[in-house]
Amino acid sequence: MFTTQQYADDADFTETDYADLKCADEDEVDRSIITERNRDIKAIEEDMGHLADITRNCAELVHDQGYEVDAAETNISNSLINIEETVETLEQISATVEKKRGFAFNAYVLLTGVGIGSLGWIGGPWIGIPTTLAGIGVSSTIIFIKKKIGI
């Protein structure tokens, strides 16, 4: 293209030629501005494409983590249920053990009373029968008192 500077020194250069040349220079400037803007628009489009990719990747990560969070929540809920069931089972076992301990203690006390009372049989039936009944009575009293005070 022609520039104003190239023909400014030319003597045959008229005002009309100068106006045409100025117009040509303005067209060239307009084209360069349009080209630059077009380049900028393409760069913006490319950046928007990269931004869309980043957004899509973030959305996939959030989606995948949602499954992991749901799985963790389910595991926590199941653990809570299992803990509650375990506490109930342990309470039942504890009650059963206490009953068996109580039964074992009662049986021990009763048999001890009968055993001590049976020593009276050495002196004969007239002494053995009352001592055996006394042993049973004492051991029954011990069991009754134990239940009353809750030991």
Protein backbone atom coordinates (compact mmCIF):
# COMPACT_ATOMS: atom_id res chain seq x y z
CA MET A 1 0.00 0.00 0.00
CA PHE A 2 0.96 3.58 -0.40
CA THR A 3 1.79 5.73 2.52
CA THR A 4 1.53 9.47 2.84
CA GLN A 5 5.17 9.83 3.69
CA GLN A 6 6.32 8.21 0.40
CA TYR A 7 4.62 10.84 -1.73
CA ALA A 8 4.80 13.85 0.52
CA ASP A 9 7.97 15.07 -1.15
CA ASP A 10 6.68 14.53 -4.70
CA ALA A 11 6.01 17.82 -6.48
CA ASP A 12 3.27 16.45 -8.72
CA PHE A 13 1.27 15.41 -5.73
CA THR A 14 -2.11 17.18 -5.58
CA GLU A 15 -4.64 17.63 -2.80
CA THR A 16 -6.92 15.01 -4.37
CA ASP A 17 -4.07 12.55 -4.53
CA TYR A 18 -3.26 13.34 -0.94
CA ALA A 19 -6.91 12.74 0.13
CA ASP A 20 -7.00 9.45 -1.77
CA LEU A 21 -3.77 8.39 -0.16
CA LYS A 22 -5.03 9.40 3.26
CA CYS A 23 -8.17 7.36 2.66
CA ALA A 24 -6.04 4.39 1.59
CA ASP A 25 -3.96 4.75 4.79
CA GLU A 26 -7.15 4.87 6.88
CA ASP A 27 -8.41 1.72 5.15
CA GLU A 28 -5.12 -0.01 5.91
CA VAL A 29 -5.33 1.12 9.57
CA ASP A 30 -8.93 -0.09 9.72
CA ARG A 31 -7.89 -3.47 8.31
CA SER A 32 -5.05 -3.79 10.81
CA ILE A 33 -7.44 -2.89 13.65
CA ILE A 34 -9.96 -5.46 12.38
CA THR A 35 -7.21 -8.07 12.05
CA GLU A 36 -5.99 -7.33 15.58
CA ARG A 37 -9.52 -7.47 16.98
CA ASN A 38 -10.15 -10.72 15.12
CA ARG A 39 -6.97 -12.16 16.66
CA ASP A 40 -8.09 -10.99 20.12
CA ILE A 41 -11.56 -12.52 19.62
CA LYS A 42 -10.01 -15.85 18.60
CA ALA A 43 -7.76 -15.74 21.68
CA ILE A 44 -10.81 -15.04 23.87
CA GLU A 45 -12.66 -17.94 22.22
CA GLU A 46 -9.69 -20.22 22.88
CA ASP A 47 -9.49 -19.05 26.51
CA MET A 48 -13.23 -19.65 26.91
CA GLY A 49 -12.73 -23.18 25.57
CA HIS A 50 -10.01 -23.76 28.17
CA LEU A 51 -12.25 -22.32 30.86
CA ALA A 52 -15.09 -24.64 29.77
CA ASP A 53 -12.70 -27.62 30.01
CA ILE A 54 -11.64 -26.57 33.51
CA THR A 55 -15.27 -26.14 34.58
CA ARG A 56 -16.18 -29.55 33.14
CA ASN A 57 -13.25 -31.18 34.96
CA CYS A 58 -14.25 -29.52 38.24
CA ALA A 59 -17.83 -30.69 37.78
CA GLU A 60 -16.62 -34.26 37.21
CA LEU A 61 -14.47 -34.10 40.35
CA VAL A 62 -17.36 -32.79 42.43
CA HIS A 63 -19.65 -35.48 40.99
CA ASP A 64 -17.14 -38.25 41.74
CA GLN A 65 -16.57 -36.94 45.25
CA GLY A 66 -20.33 -36.90 45.77
CA TYR A 67 -20.34 -40.70 45.44
CA GLU A 68 -17.49 -40.95 47.93
CA VAL A 69 -19.26 -38.66 50.41
CA ASP A 70 -22.48 -40.67 50.02
CA ALA A 71 -20.56 -43.91 50.61
CA ALA A 72 -18.90 -42.44 53.72
CA GLU A 73 -22.27 -41.24 55.02
CA THR A 74 -23.76 -44.70 54.47
CA ASN A 75 -20.82 -46.32 56.27
CA ILE A 76 -21.21 -43.95 59.21
CA SER A 77 -24.95 -44.66 59.42
CA ASN A 78 -24.32 -48.41 59.26
CA SER A 79 -21.65 -48.11 61.94
CA LEU A 80 -24.04 -46.24 64.21
CA ILE A 81 -26.69 -48.93 63.74
CA ASN A 82 -24.11 -51.66 64.42
CA ILE A 83 -22.91 -49.88 67.56
CA GLU A 84 -26.48 -49.55 68.86
CA GLU A 85 -27.13 -53.25 68.18
CA THR A 86 -23.85 -54.16 69.89
CA VAL A 87 -24.75 -52.10 72.98
CA GLU A 88 -28.12 -53.87 73.19
CA THR A 89 -26.46 -57.26 72.84
CA LEU A 90 -23.88 -56.43 75.51
CA GLU A 91 -26.63 -55.26 77.87
CA GLN A 92 -28.49 -58.55 77.32
CA ILE A 93 -25.29 -60.53 77.90
CA SER A 94 -24.57 -58.54 81.05
CA ALA A 95 -28.08 -59.20 82.40
CA THR A 96 -27.74 -62.91 81.59
CA VAL A 97 -24.34 -63.11 83.29
CA GLU A 98 -25.71 -61.34 86.37
CA LYS A 99 -28.61 -63.79 86.53
CA LYS A 100 -26.26 -66.74 86.19
CA ARG A 101 -23.91 -65.30 88.80
CA GLY A 102 -26.86 -64.79 91.11
CA PHE A 103 -28.06 -68.34 90.52
CA ALA A 104 -24.57 -69.72 91.07
CA PHE A 105 -24.18 -67.75 94.31
CA ASN A 106 -27.60 -68.82 95.54
CA ALA A 107 -26.87 -72.45 94.72
CA TYR A 108 -23.50 -72.18 96.50
CA VAL A 109 -25.04 -70.65 99.62
CA LEU A 110 -27.86 -73.21 99.69
CA LEU A 111 -25.53 -76.16 99.20
CA THR A 112 -23.19 -74.81 101.85
CA GLY A 113 -26.08 -74.48 104.28
CA VAL A 114 -27.27 -78.00 103.51
CA GLY A 115 -23.70 -79.31 103.79
CA ILE A 116 -23.08 -77.68 107.15
CA GLY A 117 -26.50 -78.78 108.35
CA SER A 118 -25.77 -82.32 107.22
CA LEU A 119 -22.83 -82.50 109.62
CA GLY A 120 -25.45 -82.95 112.30
CA TRP A 121 -26.16 -86.39 110.87
CA ILE A 122 -22.96 -87.49 112.52
CA GLY A 123 -24.77 -87.22 115.84
CA GLY A 124 -27.70 -89.21 114.49
CA PRO A 125 -31.02 -88.53 112.80
CA TRP A 126 -32.45 -86.62 115.76
CA ILE A 127 -29.67 -84.05 115.44
CA GLY A 128 -29.16 -84.34 111.63
CA ILE A 129 -32.70 -83.39 110.60
CA PRO A 130 -32.89 -80.16 112.64
CA THR A 131 -29.35 -79.09 111.66
CA THR A 132 -30.06 -79.71 107.96
CA LEU A 133 -33.28 -77.68 108.19
CA ALA A 134 -31.41 -74.93 110.05
CA GLY A 135 -28.72 -74.87 107.32
CA ILE A 136 -31.40 -74.56 104.65
CA GLY A 137 -33.12 -71.81 106.64
CA VAL A 138 -29.93 -69.82 107.14
CA SER A 139 -28.91 -70.10 103.49
CA SER A 140 -32.41 -69.12 102.34
CA THR A 141 -32.28 -66.11 104.63
CA ILE A 142 -28.91 -65.07 103.18
CA ILE A 143 -30.32 -65.36 99.63
CA PHE A 144 -33.43 -63.36 100.59
CA ILE A 145 -31.38 -60.57 102.19
CA LYS A 146 -29.06 -60.50 99.15
CA LYS A 147 -32.01 -59.98 96.81
CA LYS A 148 -33.53 -57.30 99.03
CA ILE A 149 -30.40 -55.15 99.17
CA GLY A 150 -29.63 -55.81 95.48
CA ILE A 151 -26.19 -57.37 95.68
